[in-house]
N, C-alpha and C. Protein backbone atom coordinates (compact mmCIF):
# COMPACT_ATOMS: atom_id res chain seq x y z
N MET A 1 -12.31 143.72 63.17
CA MET A 1 -11.38 144.65 64.35
C MET A 1 -12.17 145.38 64.96
N GLN A 2 -12.12 145.20 66.13
CA GLN A 2 -13.34 145.89 67.29
C GLN A 2 -12.45 147.31 67.16
N SER A 3 -13.53 148.44 67.13
CA SER A 3 -13.47 149.57 67.00
C SER A 3 -12.85 150.44 68.18
N GLY A 4 -12.01 150.97 68.35
CA GLY A 4 -11.65 151.40 69.49
C GLY A 4 -10.48 150.49 70.11
N LEU A 5 -10.07 149.58 69.83
CA LEU A 5 -9.21 148.65 70.10
C LEU A 5 -7.85 148.65 69.75
N LEU A 6 -7.67 149.37 68.52
CA LEU A 6 -6.24 149.58 67.94
C LEU A 6 -6.45 150.60 67.17
N ASP A 7 -4.94 151.59 67.11
CA ASP A 7 -4.93 152.76 66.09
C ASP A 7 -4.79 152.14 64.59
N LEU A 8 -5.17 152.18 63.50
CA LEU A 8 -5.18 151.62 62.34
C LEU A 8 -3.94 152.43 61.76
N ASN A 9 -3.89 154.11 62.13
CA ASN A 9 -2.78 154.42 61.92
C ASN A 9 -1.61 154.46 61.99
N THR A 10 -1.29 154.12 63.14
CA THR A 10 -0.01 153.23 64.13
C THR A 10 -0.03 152.51 63.12
N ILE A 11 -1.06 150.77 63.09
CA ILE A 11 -0.76 149.61 62.72
C ILE A 11 -0.12 149.93 61.15
N THR A 12 -0.64 150.90 60.45
CA THR A 12 -0.69 151.13 58.92
C THR A 12 0.85 151.11 58.76
N THR A 13 1.36 152.26 59.74
CA THR A 13 2.89 152.93 59.23
C THR A 13 3.39 151.55 59.76
N LEU A 14 3.37 150.91 60.81
CA LEU A 14 4.38 149.58 61.01
C LEU A 14 4.14 148.74 59.86
N LEU A 15 3.25 148.43 59.81
CA LEU A 15 2.93 147.31 58.45
C LEU A 15 4.16 148.04 57.19
N GLU A 16 3.86 149.32 56.86
CA GLU A 16 4.66 149.85 55.78
C GLU A 16 6.30 150.03 56.11
N LEU A 17 6.43 149.58 57.41
CA LEU A 17 8.18 149.01 57.46
C LEU A 17 8.42 147.97 57.26
N ASN A 18 7.82 147.18 56.77
CA ASN A 18 8.06 145.74 56.36
C ASN A 18 9.07 145.97 55.33
N ASP A 19 9.92 145.14 55.10
CA ASP A 19 10.78 145.15 53.72
C ASP A 19 10.72 143.67 53.02
N PRO A 20 10.28 144.20 51.98
CA PRO A 20 9.78 142.51 50.94
C PRO A 20 10.78 141.95 50.62
N THR A 21 11.76 142.46 50.34
CA THR A 21 12.82 141.41 50.67
C THR A 21 13.54 140.86 51.62
N GLU A 22 13.31 141.36 52.56
CA GLU A 22 13.81 140.09 53.79
C GLU A 22 12.86 138.95 54.17
N SER A 23 13.22 138.21 54.20
CA SER A 23 12.46 136.83 54.66
C SER A 23 11.80 136.93 55.75
N SER A 24 12.06 137.63 56.45
CA SER A 24 11.57 137.80 58.12
C SER A 24 10.50 139.13 58.05
N ASN A 25 9.77 139.14 58.51
CA ASN A 25 8.17 139.99 58.89
C ASN A 25 8.69 140.59 59.69
N PHE A 26 8.89 142.01 59.76
CA PHE A 26 9.55 142.64 60.74
C PHE A 26 8.18 142.99 61.53
N PHE A 27 7.31 143.39 61.11
CA PHE A 27 5.80 143.76 61.76
C PHE A 27 5.46 142.32 62.86
N VAL A 28 5.57 141.15 62.02
CA VAL A 28 5.07 139.93 62.76
C VAL A 28 6.48 139.89 64.05
N GLU A 29 7.71 140.27 64.08
CA GLU A 29 8.82 140.18 65.24
C GLU A 29 8.15 141.28 66.08
N LEU A 30 7.73 142.51 65.70
CA LEU A 30 7.18 143.07 66.47
C LEU A 30 6.37 142.60 67.22
N VAL A 31 5.21 142.95 66.51
CA VAL A 31 3.90 141.97 67.79
C VAL A 31 4.44 141.14 68.78
N ASN A 32 5.41 139.75 67.91
CA ASN A 32 5.87 139.23 68.89
C ASN A 32 6.56 139.91 70.30
N GLU A 33 7.14 140.36 69.37
CA GLU A 33 8.09 141.15 70.60
C GLU A 33 7.26 142.03 71.62
N PHE A 34 6.34 142.71 71.56
CA PHE A 34 5.18 143.77 71.82
C PHE A 34 4.84 142.40 72.78
N LEU A 35 3.95 141.42 72.50
CA LEU A 35 2.91 140.60 73.25
C LEU A 35 4.15 140.26 74.76
N ALA A 36 5.33 139.77 74.28
CA ALA A 36 6.09 139.37 75.27
C ALA A 36 6.19 139.78 76.22
N GLN A 37 6.43 141.28 75.40
CA GLN A 37 6.86 142.33 77.02
C GLN A 37 5.05 142.50 77.97
N ALA A 38 4.49 142.77 77.14
CA ALA A 38 2.80 143.28 77.58
C ALA A 38 2.60 141.84 78.60
N THR A 39 3.19 140.66 78.27
CA THR A 39 2.63 139.76 79.40
C THR A 39 3.32 139.64 80.63
N HIS A 40 4.78 140.13 80.15
CA HIS A 40 5.74 140.18 81.56
C HIS A 40 5.18 141.51 82.30
N LEU A 41 4.25 142.86 81.35
CA LEU A 41 4.35 143.61 81.95
C LEU A 41 3.00 143.82 82.97
N ILE A 42 1.94 143.08 82.85
CA ILE A 42 0.93 142.53 83.00
C ILE A 42 0.65 141.50 84.51
N ALA A 43 1.73 140.90 84.28
CA ALA A 43 2.18 140.19 85.33
C ALA A 43 3.06 141.15 86.43
N ALA A 44 3.43 142.00 86.27
CA ALA A 44 4.11 142.35 87.59
C ALA A 44 2.90 143.75 87.46
N ILE A 45 2.27 144.42 87.24
CA ILE A 45 1.37 144.71 87.38
C ILE A 45 0.47 143.99 88.35
N LYS A 46 -0.02 142.74 87.97
CA LYS A 46 -1.20 142.07 88.79
C LYS A 46 -0.37 141.80 90.44
N GLN A 47 0.90 141.44 90.09
CA GLN A 47 1.67 141.23 91.27
C GLN A 47 1.69 142.41 92.04
N ALA A 48 2.28 143.78 91.89
CA ALA A 48 2.26 145.19 92.23
C ALA A 48 0.74 145.64 93.17
N ILE A 49 0.00 144.76 92.20
CA ILE A 49 -1.41 145.44 92.78
C ILE A 49 -1.63 144.59 94.12
N HIS A 50 -1.43 142.82 93.58
CA HIS A 50 -1.57 141.95 94.93
C HIS A 50 -0.97 142.24 96.03
N GLN A 51 0.04 143.27 95.96
CA GLN A 51 1.16 142.93 97.14
C GLN A 51 0.97 144.51 97.91
N ASN A 52 -0.24 145.22 97.15
CA ASN A 52 -0.18 146.67 97.38
C ASN A 52 1.23 147.50 97.31
N ASP A 53 1.75 147.11 96.44
CA ASP A 53 3.25 147.99 95.97
C ASP A 53 2.97 149.24 94.77
N ARG A 54 2.60 150.06 95.56
CA ARG A 54 2.14 151.34 94.36
C ARG A 54 3.57 151.72 94.06
N ARG A 55 4.45 151.81 94.60
CA ARG A 55 5.86 152.47 94.19
C ARG A 55 6.03 151.70 92.55
N ASN A 56 6.09 150.41 92.48
CA ASN A 56 6.53 149.10 91.59
C ASN A 56 5.73 149.69 90.46
N LEU A 57 4.37 149.70 90.80
CA LEU A 57 2.77 149.56 89.76
C LEU A 57 2.85 150.83 88.86
N ILE A 58 3.08 151.65 89.21
CA ILE A 58 3.11 153.02 88.43
C ILE A 58 4.27 152.80 87.29
N PRO A 59 4.94 152.52 87.63
CA PRO A 59 6.68 152.34 86.33
C PRO A 59 5.85 151.44 85.54
N HIS A 60 5.63 149.93 85.74
CA HIS A 60 4.88 148.91 85.35
C HIS A 60 3.52 149.58 84.23
N LEU A 61 2.87 150.24 85.01
CA LEU A 61 1.85 150.67 84.26
C LEU A 61 2.19 151.55 82.78
N HIS A 62 3.23 152.48 83.33
CA HIS A 62 3.94 153.51 81.96
C HIS A 62 4.53 153.31 81.17
N ASN A 63 5.00 151.96 81.42
CA ASN A 63 5.65 151.14 80.57
C ASN A 63 5.12 150.58 79.64
N LEU A 64 4.10 149.63 80.23
CA LEU A 64 2.92 149.28 79.33
C LEU A 64 2.44 150.02 78.54
N LYS A 65 1.88 151.34 78.96
CA LYS A 65 0.92 152.21 78.23
C LYS A 65 1.55 153.12 77.58
N GLY A 66 3.49 153.27 77.13
CA GLY A 66 4.11 153.49 76.34
C GLY A 66 4.37 152.45 75.32
N ALA A 67 4.18 151.20 75.54
CA ALA A 67 4.90 149.90 74.28
C ALA A 67 3.39 149.89 73.53
N SER A 68 2.22 150.15 74.39
CA SER A 68 1.10 149.76 73.92
C SER A 68 0.21 151.30 72.93
N LEU A 69 1.05 152.03 73.03
CA LEU A 69 0.88 153.41 71.95
C LEU A 69 1.98 152.93 71.17
N ASN A 70 2.96 152.65 71.00
CA ASN A 70 4.22 152.48 70.27
C ASN A 70 3.60 151.32 69.28
N MET A 71 2.96 150.43 69.65
CA MET A 71 2.15 149.47 68.77
C MET A 71 0.61 149.78 68.30
N GLY A 72 -0.12 151.00 68.86
CA GLY A 72 -1.26 151.21 68.17
C GLY A 72 -2.07 150.31 69.06
N ALA A 73 -1.64 149.65 70.14
CA ALA A 73 -2.93 149.28 70.96
C ALA A 73 -3.47 150.25 71.59
N ILE A 74 -4.33 151.12 71.41
CA ILE A 74 -4.84 152.50 71.89
C ILE A 74 -5.53 152.00 73.36
N ALA A 75 -6.57 150.73 72.96
CA ALA A 75 -8.21 150.26 74.03
C ALA A 75 -6.58 150.13 75.35
N LEU A 76 -5.46 149.39 75.10
CA LEU A 76 -4.61 149.32 76.28
C LEU A 76 -4.00 150.24 77.35
N ALA A 77 -3.44 150.96 76.28
CA ALA A 77 -3.20 151.93 76.68
C ALA A 77 -3.61 152.86 77.50
N GLU A 78 -4.87 153.27 77.10
CA GLU A 78 -5.89 153.87 77.63
C GLU A 78 -6.63 153.50 78.90
N ALA A 79 -6.29 152.15 79.11
CA ALA A 79 -6.65 151.48 80.32
C ALA A 79 -5.32 151.85 81.21
N CYS A 80 -4.24 151.78 80.63
CA CYS A 80 -3.36 151.78 81.72
C CYS A 80 -3.29 153.26 82.62
N GLU A 81 -3.81 154.09 81.56
CA GLU A 81 -3.64 155.80 81.89
C GLU A 81 -4.45 155.76 82.61
N THR A 82 -5.91 155.53 83.00
CA THR A 82 -7.16 155.66 83.56
C THR A 82 -6.45 154.84 85.01
N LEU A 83 -6.07 153.85 85.33
CA LEU A 83 -5.56 152.95 86.20
C LEU A 83 -4.58 153.76 86.95
N GLU A 84 -3.42 154.35 85.94
CA GLU A 84 -2.33 154.99 86.59
C GLU A 84 -2.58 156.69 87.09
N SER A 85 -3.63 157.10 86.49
CA SER A 85 -4.62 158.16 87.05
C SER A 85 -5.26 157.93 88.05
N SER A 86 -5.60 156.94 88.30
CA SER A 86 -6.65 156.83 89.41
C SER A 86 -5.77 156.63 90.52
N ILE A 87 -4.41 156.05 90.49
CA ILE A 87 -3.74 155.91 91.75
C ILE A 87 -3.19 156.99 91.99
N GLU A 88 -2.82 158.21 90.53
CA GLU A 88 -2.10 159.21 91.30
C GLU A 88 -2.70 160.02 92.42
N LYS A 89 -4.11 159.99 91.82
CA LYS A 89 -4.93 160.78 92.64
C LYS A 89 -6.16 160.07 93.73
N GLY A 90 -5.08 158.97 94.47
CA GLY A 90 -5.66 158.47 95.48
C GLY A 90 -7.30 157.61 95.41
N GLN A 91 -7.34 157.36 94.10
CA GLN A 91 -8.86 156.66 93.95
C GLN A 91 -8.55 155.29 93.47
N LEU A 92 -8.54 154.39 94.95
CA LEU A 92 -8.00 153.43 94.44
C LEU A 92 -9.24 151.95 94.90
N ALA A 93 -10.31 152.37 95.05
CA ALA A 93 -11.75 151.70 95.67
C ALA A 93 -11.86 150.52 94.60
N GLU A 94 -11.19 150.81 93.39
CA GLU A 94 -11.59 149.49 92.35
C GLU A 94 -10.75 148.91 92.01
N ILE A 95 -9.58 149.05 92.44
CA ILE A 95 -8.09 148.71 92.08
C ILE A 95 -7.74 147.29 92.02
N ASP A 96 -8.77 146.30 92.86
CA ASP A 96 -7.90 144.91 92.56
C ASP A 96 -9.29 144.41 91.16
N SER A 97 -9.96 145.19 90.55
CA SER A 97 -10.69 144.61 89.12
C SER A 97 -10.15 144.81 88.26
N TRP A 98 -9.03 145.67 88.51
CA TRP A 98 -7.78 145.92 87.32
C TRP A 98 -7.64 144.85 87.14
N PRO A 99 -6.52 144.11 87.24
CA PRO A 99 -5.79 143.36 87.03
C PRO A 99 -6.75 142.27 85.33
N ALA A 100 -7.89 141.94 85.98
CA ALA A 100 -9.16 141.10 85.41
C ALA A 100 -9.28 142.15 84.58
N LYS A 101 -9.06 143.56 84.39
CA LYS A 101 -9.96 144.55 83.19
C LYS A 101 -8.82 143.98 82.27
N LEU A 102 -7.49 144.56 82.68
CA LEU A 102 -6.55 144.83 81.94
C LEU A 102 -6.45 143.33 80.81
N GLU A 103 -6.62 142.27 82.02
CA GLU A 103 -6.15 140.90 80.79
C GLU A 103 -7.01 140.56 80.09
N LEU A 104 -8.63 141.51 80.11
CA LEU A 104 -9.26 141.50 78.92
C LEU A 104 -8.83 141.94 77.57
N ILE A 105 -8.78 143.20 78.33
CA ILE A 105 -8.13 144.44 77.47
C ILE A 105 -7.21 144.00 75.96
N TYR A 106 -6.26 142.99 76.83
CA TYR A 106 -4.81 142.79 76.46
C TYR A 106 -5.19 141.20 75.69
N SER A 107 -6.27 140.25 76.07
CA SER A 107 -6.86 139.28 75.08
C SER A 107 -7.46 139.70 73.66
N GLU A 108 -8.06 141.10 73.82
CA GLU A 108 -8.73 141.40 72.68
C GLU A 108 -7.95 141.78 71.69
N THR A 109 -6.84 142.63 72.11
CA THR A 109 -6.08 142.85 71.64
C THR A 109 -4.58 142.14 70.73
N VAL A 110 -4.36 140.82 71.55
CA VAL A 110 -3.93 140.08 71.48
C VAL A 110 -4.50 139.26 69.82
N GLN A 111 -6.03 139.01 69.96
CA GLN A 111 -6.69 138.18 69.17
C GLN A 111 -6.61 139.37 67.75
N ALA A 112 -6.95 140.71 68.00
CA ALA A 112 -6.55 141.88 66.67
C ALA A 112 -5.21 141.69 66.22
N MET A 113 -4.33 141.86 66.94
CA MET A 113 -3.19 141.79 66.72
C MET A 113 -2.76 140.56 65.37
N GLU A 114 -3.42 139.58 66.02
CA GLU A 114 -3.42 138.01 65.52
C GLU A 114 -4.07 137.97 63.92
N GLN A 115 -5.05 138.69 63.81
CA GLN A 115 -5.83 138.94 62.85
C GLN A 115 -5.43 139.44 61.76
N ILE A 116 -4.63 140.66 61.69
CA ILE A 116 -3.22 141.36 61.06
C ILE A 116 -2.13 140.80 60.63
N LYS A 117 -1.45 140.06 61.44
CA LYS A 117 -0.37 138.95 61.10
C LYS A 117 -0.99 137.72 60.42
N LYS A 118 -2.02 137.71 60.52
CA LYS A 118 -2.32 135.92 59.63
C LYS A 118 -1.76 136.05 58.30
N PRO A 119 -2.27 137.06 57.77
CA PRO A 119 -1.98 137.28 55.70
C PRO A 119 -0.46 137.36 55.64
N LEU A 120 0.90 137.33 56.93
CA LEU A 120 1.36 138.29 56.53
C LEU A 120 2.55 137.58 56.27
């Protein structure tokens, strides 16, 4: 797993929430829900950037950052924080490159989480 991509303490805490007496796996369900939500939010972020809609961009970034932190996806959360901060400061020179950056970090996050899910 790539260093700095996931917060292993958060992941461990989430894994400990699994109930061995249940047929379903709580962590797997959480990851699947997070990935679905993140996919939707990234699409909304990309659309807001494309439409130059900063009013909706900040809330989408904030939601993705929060969901990422809750799941231990720290690299994705940090990317959202960086973009959110840049927008708030009016530093928009590189905003068009951010969708690709978010997609890359998200893809790496998905791969890392899938590796954790495999043995469960």
